[in-house]
């Protein structure tokens, strides 16, 4: 289960707008009641691959390794 930060809900946000910026409150409120964090975030996908080969003899040693990481961000993009 994903946890979201504790932020103001729409009603309390409107109250804060009126209290802190009364002259701008009407222009800053678009009437929505959406939880912005739930709308713009998603569960991050992580992929991680790694390979390692090593060995040697009395004449020399070798090591070959690699790696790959592909991690999609947790913010949704709009194109």
Protein backbone atom coordinates (compact mmCIF):
# COMPACT_ATOMS: atom_id res chain seq x y z
CA UNK A 1 0.00 0.00 0.00
CA UNK A 2 1.37 3.36 -1.03
CA UNK A 3 1.57 6.19 1.50
CA UNK A 4 0.93 9.77 0.49
CA UNK A 5 2.12 12.89 2.30
CA UNK A 6 -0.34 14.45 4.68
CA UNK A 7 -1.52 17.59 2.88
CA UNK A 8 -4.57 19.82 3.02
CA UNK A 9 -7.76 18.55 1.48
CA UNK A 10 -9.65 20.83 -0.95
CA UNK A 11 -11.83 22.48 1.71
CA UNK A 12 -8.88 23.29 3.98
CA UNK A 13 -6.83 24.47 1.04
CA UNK A 14 -9.58 26.93 0.15
CA UNK A 15 -9.66 28.14 3.75
CA UNK A 16 -5.88 28.65 3.69
CA UNK A 17 -6.12 30.59 0.42
CA UNK A 18 -8.72 32.91 1.90
CA UNK A 19 -6.72 33.37 5.09
CA UNK A 20 -3.21 33.85 3.67
CA UNK A 21 -3.98 35.44 0.29
CA UNK A 22 -7.51 36.87 0.40
CA UNK A 23 -6.95 39.11 -2.62
CA UNK A 24 -5.80 36.18 -4.78
CA UNK A 25 -8.05 33.39 -3.47
CA UNK A 26 -10.68 33.74 -6.18
CA UNK A 27 -8.07 33.49 -8.96
CA UNK A 28 -6.19 30.57 -7.40
CA UNK A 29 -9.12 28.20 -6.86
CA UNK A 30 -10.36 26.31 -9.89
CA UNK A 31 -13.07 24.41 -7.99
CA UNK A 32 -11.50 20.97 -8.19
CA UNK A 33 -11.58 18.41 -5.39
CA UNK A 34 -8.85 16.06 -6.61
CA UNK A 35 -6.01 14.55 -4.61
CA UNK A 36 -3.11 15.77 -6.73
CA UNK A 37 -0.60 13.24 -5.39
CA UNK A 38 -2.81 10.32 -6.37
CA UNK A 39 -3.37 11.79 -9.82
CA UNK A 40 0.27 12.41 -10.75
CA UNK A 41 2.09 9.51 -9.08
CA UNK A 42 2.32 5.82 -9.78
CA UNK A 43 4.23 2.86 -8.41
CA UNK A 44 7.80 3.06 -9.64
CA UNK A 45 9.03 0.18 -11.77
CA UNK A 46 12.59 -0.95 -11.22
CA UNK A 47 14.60 -3.36 -13.32
CA UNK A 48 18.09 -4.40 -12.40
CA UNK A 49 20.28 -6.88 -14.29
CA UNK A 50 23.82 -7.86 -13.48
CA UNK A 51 26.26 -10.46 -14.77
CA UNK A 52 29.69 -11.34 -13.49
CA UNK A 53 32.25 -13.76 -14.87
CA UNK A 54 35.67 -14.19 -13.32
CA UNK A 55 38.42 -16.74 -13.24
CA UNK A 56 42.02 -17.25 -13.99
CA UNK A 57 45.04 -19.46 -13.97
CA UNK A 58 48.50 -19.20 -12.56
CA UNK A 59 49.41 -17.01 -15.56
CA UNK A 60 46.66 -14.42 -15.18
CA UNK A 61 43.24 -13.54 -13.99
CA UNK A 62 40.23 -12.10 -15.71
CA UNK A 63 36.96 -10.54 -14.69
CA UNK A 64 34.07 -9.47 -16.85
CA UNK A 65 31.09 -7.78 -15.26
CA UNK A 66 28.13 -5.73 -16.37
CA UNK A 67 24.97 -4.18 -15.19
CA UNK A 68 21.76 -2.49 -16.23
CA UNK A 69 19.21 -0.40 -14.39
CA UNK A 70 15.97 0.93 -15.87
CA UNK A 71 13.86 2.76 -13.31
CA UNK A 72 10.76 4.60 -14.45
CA UNK A 73 10.01 7.68 -12.43
CA UNK A 74 7.11 7.90 -10.06
CA UNK A 75 5.60 11.01 -11.69
CA UNK A 76 3.31 10.60 -14.65
CA UNK A 77 4.25 12.63 -17.72
CA UNK A 78 1.80 14.28 -20.05
CA UNK A 79 2.90 14.67 -23.68
